[in-house]
Amino acid sequence: MNVLRQIGLHHVLAFRAASLPCRLAPHCGVLTTCLPIER
């Protein structure tokens, strides 16, 4: 992986693993909080 990331493969993997699935989904969201992190 150390060799492959130097030619940019980590960007390709990121696209397949998260960016593309989120792009294709009808709905995406994020849950946020105003509380201290553990609570």
All heavy atoms as atom14 arrays in JSON, in Angstrom:
{
  "sequence": "MNVLRQIGLHHVLAFRAASLPCRLAPHCGVLTTCLPIER",
  "atom14_mask": [
    [1, 1, 1, 1, 1, 1, 1, 1, 0, 0, 0, 0, 0, 0],
    [1, 1, 1, 1, 1, 1, 1, 1, 0, 0, 0, 0, 0, 0],
    [1, 1, 1, 1, 1, 1, 1, 0, 0, 0, 0, 0, 0, 0],
    [1, 1, 1, 1, 1, 1, 1, 1, 0, 0, 0, 0, 0, 0],
    [1, 1, 1, 1, 1, 1, 1, 1, 1, 1, 1, 0, 0, 0],
    [1, 1, 1, 1, 1, 1, 1, 1, 1, 0, 0, 0, 0, 0],
    [1, 1, 1, 1, 1, 1, 1, 1, 0, 0, 0, 0, 0, 0],
    [1, 1, 1, 1, 0, 0, 0, 0, 0, 0, 0, 0, 0, 0],
    [1, 1, 1, 1, 1, 1, 1, 1, 0, 0, 0, 0, 0, 0],
    [1, 1, 1, 1, 1, 1, 1, 1, 1, 1, 0, 0, 0, 0],
    [1, 1, 1, 1, 1, 1, 1, 1, 1, 1, 0, 0, 0, 0],
    [1, 1, 1, 1, 1, 1, 1, 0, 0, 0, 0, 0, 0, 0],
    [1, 1, 1, 1, 1, 1, 1, 1, 0, 0, 0, 0, 0, 0],
    [1, 1, 1, 1, 1, 0, 0, 0, 0, 0, 0, 0, 0, 0],
    [1, 1, 1, 1, 1, 1, 1, 1, 1, 1, 1, 0, 0, 0],
    [1, 1, 1, 1, 1, 1, 1, 1, 1, 1, 1, 0, 0, 0],
    [1, 1, 1, 1, 1, 0, 0, 0, 0, 0, 0, 0, 0, 0],
    [1, 1, 1, 1, 1, 0, 0, 0, 0, 0, 0, 0, 0, 0],
    [1, 1, 1, 1, 1, 1, 0, 0, 0, 0, 0, 0, 0, 0],
    [1, 1, 1, 1, 1, 1, 1, 1, 0, 0, 0, 0, 0, 0],
    [1, 1, 1, 1, 1, 1, 1, 0, 0, 0, 0, 0, 0, 0],
    [1, 1, 1, 1, 1, 1, 0, 0, 0, 0, 0, 0, 0, 0],
    [1, 1, 1, 1, 1, 1, 1, 1, 1, 1, 1, 0, 0, 0],
    [1, 1, 1, 1, 1, 1, 1, 1, 0, 0, 0, 0, 0, 0],
    [1, 1, 1, 1, 1, 0, 0, 0, 0, 0, 0, 0, 0, 0],
    [1, 1, 1, 1, 1, 1, 1, 0, 0, 0, 0, 0, 0, 0],
    [1, 1, 1, 1, 1, 1, 1, 1, 1, 1, 0, 0, 0, 0],
    [1, 1, 1, 1, 1, 1, 0, 0, 0, 0, 0, 0, 0, 0],
    [1, 1, 1, 1, 0, 0, 0, 0, 0, 0, 0, 0, 0, 0],
    [1, 1, 1, 1, 1, 1, 1, 0, 0, 0, 0, 0, 0, 0],
    [1, 1, 1, 1, 1, 1, 1, 1, 0, 0, 0, 0, 0, 0],
    [1, 1, 1, 1, 1, 1, 1, 0, 0, 0, 0, 0, 0, 0],
    [1, 1, 1, 1, 1, 1, 1, 0, 0, 0, 0, 0, 0, 0],
    [1, 1, 1, 1, 1, 1, 0, 0, 0, 0, 0, 0, 0, 0],
    [1, 1, 1, 1, 1, 1, 1, 1, 0, 0, 0, 0, 0, 0],
    [1, 1, 1, 1, 1, 1, 1, 0, 0, 0, 0, 0, 0, 0],
    [1, 1, 1, 1, 1, 1, 1, 1, 0, 0, 0, 0, 0, 0],
    [1, 1, 1, 1, 1, 1, 1, 1, 1, 0, 0, 0, 0, 0],
    [1, 1, 1, 1, 1, 1, 1, 1, 1, 1, 1, 0, 0, 0]
  ],
  "atom14_positions": [
    [[0.83, -1.21, 0.0], [0.0, 0.0, 0.0], [0.86, 1.25, 0.0], [0.52, 2.26, -0.62], [-0.93, -0.01, 1.22], [-2.0, 1.07, 1.2], [-3.21, 0.88, -0.12], [-2.97, 2.41, -1.01], [0.0, 0.0, 0.0], [0.0, 0.0, 0.0], [0.0, 0.0, 0.0], [0.0, 0.0, 0.0], [0.0, 0.0, 0.0], [0.0, 0.0, 0.0]],
    [[2.0, 1.19, 0.66], [2.91, 2.33, 0.73], [3.42, 2.71, -0.66], [3.62, 3.9, -0.97], [4.07, 2.02, 1.66], [4.91, 3.24, 1.98], [4.4, 4.36, 2.02], [6.19, 3.03, 2.19], [0.0, 0.0, 0.0], [0.0, 0.0, 0.0], [0.0, 0.0, 0.0], [0.0, 0.0, 0.0], [0.0, 0.0, 0.0], [0.0, 0.0, 0.0]],
    [[3.65, 1.72, -1.5], [4.09, 1.98, -2.87], [2.92, 2.52, -3.7], [3.05, 3.52, -4.41], [4.65, 0.7, -3.51], [4.93, 0.93, -5.0], [5.93, 0.27, -2.8], [0.0, 0.0, 0.0], [0.0, 0.0, 0.0], [0.0, 0.0, 0.0], [0.0, 0.0, 0.0], [0.0, 0.0, 0.0], [0.0, 0.0, 0.0], [0.0, 0.0, 0.0]],
    [[1.76, 1.89, -3.55], [0.62, 2.25, -4.39], [0.08, 3.65, -4.06], [-0.39, 4.36, -4.95], [-0.48, 1.21, -4.21], [-0.15, -0.2, -4.72], [-1.28, -1.16, -4.4], [0.13, -0.19, -6.21], [0.0, 0.0, 0.0], [0.0, 0.0, 0.0], [0.0, 0.0, 0.0], [0.0, 0.0, 0.0], [0.0, 0.0, 0.0], [0.0, 0.0, 0.0]],
    [[0.18, 4.04, -2.8], [-0.33, 5.37, -2.45], [0.51, 6.47, -3.08], [0.01, 7.58, -3.33], [-0.39, 5.54, -0.93], [0.98, 5.69, -0.27], [0.87, 5.74, 1.24], [2.18, 5.92, 1.85], [2.73, 7.11, 2.11], [2.05, 8.23, 1.83], [3.91, 7.21, 2.67], [0.0, 0.0, 0.0], [0.0, 0.0, 0.0], [0.0, 0.0, 0.0]],
    [[1.77, 6.18, -3.35], [2.64, 7.19, -3.94], [2.3, 7.46, -5.41], [2.73, 8.48, -5.96], [4.1, 6.77, -3.79], [4.53, 6.71, -2.33], [5.97, 6.24, -2.14], [6.87, 6.72, -2.83], [6.19, 5.33, -1.2], [0.0, 0.0, 0.0], [0.0, 0.0, 0.0], [0.0, 0.0, 0.0], [0.0, 0.0, 0.0], [0.0, 0.0, 0.0]],
    [[1.53, 6.59, -6.02], [1.06, 6.85, -7.38], [-0.43, 7.21, -7.38], [-1.08, 7.22, -8.42], [1.34, 5.65, -8.32], [0.62, 4.39, -7.82], [2.83, 5.41, -8.44], [0.73, 3.21, -8.79], [0.0, 0.0, 0.0], [0.0, 0.0, 0.0], [0.0, 0.0, 0.0], [0.0, 0.0, 0.0], [0.0, 0.0, 0.0], [0.0, 0.0, 0.0]],
    [[-0.96, 7.48, -6.17], [-2.31, 8.0, -6.07], [-3.43, 7.0, -5.93], [-4.61, 7.38, -6.0], [0.0, 0.0, 0.0], [0.0, 0.0, 0.0], [0.0, 0.0, 0.0], [0.0, 0.0, 0.0], [0.0, 0.0, 0.0], [0.0, 0.0, 0.0], [0.0, 0.0, 0.0], [0.0, 0.0, 0.0], [0.0, 0.0, 0.0], [0.0, 0.0, 0.0]],
    [[-3.11, 5.72, -5.69], [-4.18, 4.73, -5.62], [-5.12, 4.97, -4.45], [-6.29, 4.59, -4.5], [-3.59, 3.32, -5.52], [-4.64, 2.19, -5.6], [-5.26, 2.14, -6.99], [-4.04, 0.85, -5.23], [0.0, 0.0, 0.0], [0.0, 0.0, 0.0], [0.0, 0.0, 0.0], [0.0, 0.0, 0.0], [0.0, 0.0, 0.0], [0.0, 0.0, 0.0]],
    [[-4.62, 5.62, -3.39], [-5.49, 5.85, -2.23], [-6.69, 6.73, -2.6], [-7.77, 6.59, -2.02], [-4.71, 6.46, -1.06], [-3.98, 7.73, -1.37], [-3.01, 7.81, -2.33], [-4.09, 8.98, -0.83], [-2.53, 9.05, -2.38], [-3.19, 9.77, -1.49], [0.0, 0.0, 0.0], [0.0, 0.0, 0.0], [0.0, 0.0, 0.0], [0.0, 0.0, 0.0]],
    [[-6.53, 7.6, -3.58], [-7.66, 8.42, -4.02], [-8.7, 7.57, -4.77], [-9.9, 7.78, -4.63], [-7.17, 9.56, -4.91], [-6.3, 10.54, -4.2], [-6.77, 11.34, -3.18], [-4.98, 10.84, -4.34], [-5.78, 12.11, -2.73], [-4.69, 11.82, -3.42], [0.0, 0.0, 0.0], [0.0, 0.0, 0.0], [0.0, 0.0, 0.0], [0.0, 0.0, 0.0]],
    [[-8.21, 6.62, -5.56], [-9.11, 5.71, -6.27], [-9.89, 4.86, -5.27], [-11.11, 4.67, -5.4], [-8.32, 4.82, -7.25], [-9.25, 3.81, -7.93], [-7.58, 5.66, -8.27], [0.0, 0.0, 0.0], [0.0, 0.0, 0.0], [0.0, 0.0, 0.0], [0.0, 0.0, 0.0], [0.0, 0.0, 0.0], [0.0, 0.0, 0.0], [0.0, 0.0, 0.0]],
    [[-9.2, 4.36, -4.27], [-9.86, 3.52, -3.26], [-10.89, 4.32, -2.47], [-11.96, 3.8, -2.13], [-8.8, 2.93, -2.31], [-7.82, 1.95, -2.96], [-6.7, 1.6, -1.98], [-8.54, 0.69, -3.42], [0.0, 0.0, 0.0], [0.0, 0.0, 0.0], [0.0, 0.0, 0.0], [0.0, 0.0, 0.0], [0.0, 0.0, 0.0], [0.0, 0.0, 0.0]],
    [[-10.58, 5.58, -2.18], [-11.52, 6.43, -1.45], [-12.78, 6.66, -2.28], [-13.9, 6.66, -1.74], [-10.87, 7.77, -1.11], [0.0, 0.0, 0.0], [0.0, 0.0, 0.0], [0.0, 0.0, 0.0], [0.0, 0.0, 0.0], [0.0, 0.0, 0.0], [0.0, 0.0, 0.0], [0.0, 0.0, 0.0], [0.0, 0.0, 0.0], [0.0, 0.0, 0.0]],
    [[-12.62, 6.83, -3.58], [-13.77, 7.03, -4.46], [-14.68, 5.81, -4.43], [-15.9, 5.92, -4.27], [-13.29, 7.32, -5.87], [-14.4, 7.48, -6.87], [-15.16, 8.65, -6.91], [-14.7, 6.46, -7.77], [-16.2, 8.79, -7.82], [-15.73, 6.6, -8.69], [-16.49, 7.77, -8.71], [0.0, 0.0, 0.0], [0.0, 0.0, 0.0], [0.0, 0.0, 0.0]],
    [[-14.08, 4.62, -4.52], [-14.86, 3.38, -4.53], [-15.48, 3.09, -3.16], [-16.64, 2.63, -3.07], [-13.97, 2.22, -4.97], [-14.48, 0.81, -4.64], [-15.84, 0.54, -5.25], [-16.31, -0.77, -4.84], [-16.92, -1.03, -3.69], [-17.15, -0.06, -2.82], [-17.34, -2.26, -3.41], [0.0, 0.0, 0.0], [0.0, 0.0, 0.0], [0.0, 0.0, 0.0]],
    [[-14.74, 3.34, -2.1], [-15.19, 2.92, -0.77], [-16.26, 3.83, -0.18], [-17.14, 3.36, 0.56], [-14.0, 2.86, 0.19], [0.0, 0.0, 0.0], [0.0, 0.0, 0.0], [0.0, 0.0, 0.0], [0.0, 0.0, 0.0], [0.0, 0.0, 0.0], [0.0, 0.0, 0.0], [0.0, 0.0, 0.0], [0.0, 0.0, 0.0], [0.0, 0.0, 0.0]],
    [[-16.22, 5.13, -0.47], [-17.14, 6.04, 0.2], [-17.76, 7.08, -0.72], [-18.97, 7.29, -0.69], [-16.42, 6.74, 1.35], [0.0, 0.0, 0.0], [0.0, 0.0, 0.0], [0.0, 0.0, 0.0], [0.0, 0.0, 0.0], [0.0, 0.0, 0.0], [0.0, 0.0, 0.0], [0.0, 0.0, 0.0], [0.0, 0.0, 0.0], [0.0, 0.0, 0.0]],
    [[-16.95, 7.73, -1.55], [-17.48, 8.82, -2.37], [-18.53, 8.34, -3.36], [-19.62, 8.91, -3.47], [-16.33, 9.52, -3.11], [-16.81, 10.62, -3.85], [0.0, 0.0, 0.0], [0.0, 0.0, 0.0], [0.0, 0.0, 0.0], [0.0, 0.0, 0.0], [0.0, 0.0, 0.0], [0.0, 0.0, 0.0], [0.0, 0.0, 0.0], [0.0, 0.0, 0.0]],
    [[-18.23, 7.29, -4.12], [-19.18, 6.77, -5.09], [-20.45, 6.24, -4.43], [-21.57, 6.58, -4.86], [-18.53, 5.7, -5.96], [-19.42, 5.07, -7.04], [-19.9, 6.13, -8.03], [-18.68, 3.94, -7.76], [0.0, 0.0, 0.0], [0.0, 0.0, 0.0], [0.0, 0.0, 0.0], [0.0, 0.0, 0.0], [0.0, 0.0, 0.0], [0.0, 0.0, 0.0]],
    [[-20.36, 5.4, -3.37], [-21.59, 4.94, -2.72], [-22.47, 6.08, -2.21], [-23.7, 6.02, -2.34], [-21.07, 4.08, -1.57], [-19.75, 3.58, -2.04], [-19.17, 4.71, -2.82], [0.0, 0.0, 0.0], [0.0, 0.0, 0.0], [0.0, 0.0, 0.0], [0.0, 0.0, 0.0], [0.0, 0.0, 0.0], [0.0, 0.0, 0.0], [0.0, 0.0, 0.0]],
    [[-21.85, 7.11, -1.66], [-22.65, 8.25, -1.17], [-23.23, 9.05, -2.34], [-24.34, 9.57, -2.24], [-21.8, 9.15, -0.28], [-21.44, 8.45, 1.35], [0.0, 0.0, 0.0], [0.0, 0.0, 0.0], [0.0, 0.0, 0.0], [0.0, 0.0, 0.0], [0.0, 0.0, 0.0], [0.0, 0.0, 0.0], [0.0, 0.0, 0.0], [0.0, 0.0, 0.0]],
    [[-22.5, 9.13, -3.44], [-23.0, 9.85, -4.61], [-24.25, 9.17, -5.18], [-25.18, 9.83, -5.63], [-21.91, 9.92, -5.68], [-22.31, 10.67, -6.95], [-21.21, 10.57, -7.98], [-19.98, 11.17, -7.52], [-19.68, 12.47, -7.65], [-20.55, 13.29, -8.24], [-18.54, 12.93, -7.22], [0.0, 0.0, 0.0], [0.0, 0.0, 0.0], [0.0, 0.0, 0.0]],
    [[-24.25, 7.83, -5.16], [-25.33, 7.08, -5.79], [-26.56, 6.9, -4.91], [-27.61, 6.51, -5.4], [-24.81, 5.71, -6.22], [-23.71, 5.69, -7.29], [-23.21, 4.26, -7.5], [-24.22, 6.28, -8.59], [0.0, 0.0, 0.0], [0.0, 0.0, 0.0], [0.0, 0.0, 0.0], [0.0, 0.0, 0.0], [0.0, 0.0, 0.0], [0.0, 0.0, 0.0]],
    [[-26.44, 7.14, -3.61], [-27.54, 6.88, -2.69], [-28.62, 7.95, -2.79], [-28.31, 9.14, -2.89], [-27.02, 6.8, -1.26], [0.0, 0.0, 0.0], [0.0, 0.0, 0.0], [0.0, 0.0, 0.0], [0.0, 0.0, 0.0], [0.0, 0.0, 0.0], [0.0, 0.0, 0.0], [0.0, 0.0, 0.0], [0.0, 0.0, 0.0], [0.0, 0.0, 0.0]],
    [[-29.9, 7.56, -2.73], [-30.97, 8.56, -2.73], [-30.9, 9.52, -1.55], [-31.25, 10.69, -1.67], [-32.24, 7.71, -2.67], [-31.84, 6.38, -3.23], [-30.42, 6.18, -2.8], [0.0, 0.0, 0.0], [0.0, 0.0, 0.0], [0.0, 0.0, 0.0], [0.0, 0.0, 0.0], [0.0, 0.0, 0.0], [0.0, 0.0, 0.0], [0.0, 0.0, 0.0]],
    [[-30.45, 9.01, -0.39], [-30.41, 9.86, 0.81], [-29.07, 9.69, 1.53], [-28.57, 8.57, 1.7], [-31.53, 9.49, 1.78], [-32.9, 9.62, 1.2], [-33.47, 10.84, 0.91], [-33.81, 8.68, 0.85], [-34.67, 10.65, 0.4], [-34.91, 9.35, 0.35], [0.0, 0.0, 0.0], [0.0, 0.0, 0.0], [0.0, 0.0, 0.0], [0.0, 0.0, 0.0]],
    [[-28.51, 10.82, 1.96], [-27.35, 10.83, 2.84], [-27.6, 11.82, 3.96], [-28.35, 12.8, 3.8], [-26.08, 11.25, 2.08], [-25.37, 9.99, 1.01], [0.0, 0.0, 0.0], [0.0, 0.0, 0.0], [0.0, 0.0, 0.0], [0.0, 0.0, 0.0], [0.0, 0.0, 0.0], [0.0, 0.0, 0.0], [0.0, 0.0, 0.0], [0.0, 0.0, 0.0]],
    [[-26.99, 11.57, 5.1], [-27.16, 12.48, 6.22], [-25.99, 12.39, 7.16], [-25.11, 11.54, 7.03], [0.0, 0.0, 0.0], [0.0, 0.0, 0.0], [0.0, 0.0, 0.0], [0.0, 0.0, 0.0], [0.0, 0.0, 0.0], [0.0, 0.0, 0.0], [0.0, 0.0, 0.0], [0.0, 0.0, 0.0], [0.0, 0.0, 0.0], [0.0, 0.0, 0.0]],
    [[-25.97, 13.31, 8.12], [-24.97, 13.27, 9.18], [-25.66, 13.61, 10.49], [-26.53, 14.49, 10.55], [-23.8, 14.24, 8.9], [-24.28, 15.68, 8.79], [-22.72, 14.12, 9.98], [0.0, 0.0, 0.0], [0.0, 0.0, 0.0], [0.0, 0.0, 0.0], [0.0, 0.0, 0.0], [0.0, 0.0, 0.0], [0.0, 0.0, 0.0], [0.0, 0.0, 0.0]],
    [[-25.3, 12.9, 11.53], [-25.77, 13.18, 12.87], [-24.69, 13.96, 13.61], [-23.53, 13.54, 13.65], [-26.09, 11.89, 13.61], [-27.36, 11.17, 13.14], [-27.37, 9.72, 13.61], [-28.61, 11.89, 13.62], [0.0, 0.0, 0.0], [0.0, 0.0, 0.0], [0.0, 0.0, 0.0], [0.0, 0.0, 0.0], [0.0, 0.0, 0.0], [0.0, 0.0, 0.0]],
    [[-25.08, 15.1, 14.19], [-24.14, 15.95, 14.91], [-24.64, 16.17, 16.33], [-25.8, 15.89, 16.65], [-23.97, 17.31, 14.21], [-25.22, 18.04, 14.27], [-23.58, 17.14, 12.75], [0.0, 0.0, 0.0], [0.0, 0.0, 0.0], [0.0, 0.0, 0.0], [0.0, 0.0, 0.0], [0.0, 0.0, 0.0], [0.0, 0.0, 0.0], [0.0, 0.0, 0.0]],
    [[-23.76, 16.69, 17.18], [-24.15, 16.93, 18.57], [-23.56, 18.24, 19.06], [-22.48, 18.65, 18.64], [-23.7, 15.77, 19.47], [-24.16, 16.01, 20.81], [-22.18, 15.63, 19.5], [0.0, 0.0, 0.0], [0.0, 0.0, 0.0], [0.0, 0.0, 0.0], [0.0, 0.0, 0.0], [0.0, 0.0, 0.0], [0.0, 0.0, 0.0], [0.0, 0.0, 0.0]],
    [[-24.29, 18.86, 19.98], [-23.79, 20.05, 20.67], [-23.3, 19.71, 22.06], [-22.9, 20.6, 22.82], [-24.89, 21.12, 20.73], [-26.37, 20.59, 21.63], [0.0, 0.0, 0.0], [0.0, 0.0, 0.0], [0.0, 0.0, 0.0], [0.0, 0.0, 0.0], [0.0, 0.0, 0.0], [0.0, 0.0, 0.0], [0.0, 0.0, 0.0], [0.0, 0.0, 0.0]],
    [[-23.33, 18.44, 22.42], [-22.92, 17.99, 23.76], [-21.43, 17.68, 23.8], [-20.8, 17.5, 22.75], [-23.7, 16.73, 24.13], [-25.23, 16.86, 24.17], [-25.86, 15.49, 24.38], [-25.66, 17.83, 25.26], [0.0, 0.0, 0.0], [0.0, 0.0, 0.0], [0.0, 0.0, 0.0], [0.0, 0.0, 0.0], [0.0, 0.0, 0.0], [0.0, 0.0, 0.0]],
    [[-20.83, 17.59, 24.99], [-19.45, 17.1, 25.09], [-19.34, 15.75, 24.4], [-20.3, 14.96, 24.38], [-19.22, 16.99, 26.6], [-20.17, 17.99, 27.19], [-21.39, 17.97, 26.3], [0.0, 0.0, 0.0], [0.0, 0.0, 0.0], [0.0, 0.0, 0.0], [0.0, 0.0, 0.0], [0.0, 0.0, 0.0], [0.0, 0.0, 0.0], [0.0, 0.0, 0.0]],
    [[-18.17, 15.45, 23.85], [-18.03, 14.36, 22.9], [-18.5, 13.01, 23.43], [-19.22, 12.28, 22.74], [-16.58, 14.26, 22.37], [-16.47, 13.25, 21.25], [-15.61, 13.98, 23.5], [-17.23, 13.61, 20.01], [0.0, 0.0, 0.0], [0.0, 0.0, 0.0], [0.0, 0.0, 0.0], [0.0, 0.0, 0.0], [0.0, 0.0, 0.0], [0.0, 0.0, 0.0]],
    [[-18.15, 12.64, 24.66], [-18.54, 11.31, 25.14], [-20.05, 11.22, 25.32], [-20.67, 10.24, 24.89], [-17.82, 11.0, 26.46], [-16.35, 10.69, 26.3], [-15.76, 10.08, 27.56], [-16.41, 10.15, 28.62], [-14.65, 9.53, 27.47], [0.0, 0.0, 0.0], [0.0, 0.0, 0.0], [0.0, 0.0, 0.0], [0.0, 0.0, 0.0], [0.0, 0.0, 0.0]],
    [[-20.64, 12.25, 25.93], [-22.09, 12.23, 26.1], [-22.8, 12.37, 24.75], [-23.83, 11.73, 24.5], [-22.49, 13.38, 27.05], [-23.99, 13.5, 27.27], [-24.55, 12.3, 28.01], [-26.01, 12.41, 28.12], [-26.87, 12.05, 27.18], [-26.43, 11.5, 26.04], [-28.16, 12.18, 27.37], [0.0, 0.0, 0.0], [0.0, 0.0, 0.0], [0.0, 0.0, 0.0]]
  ]
}
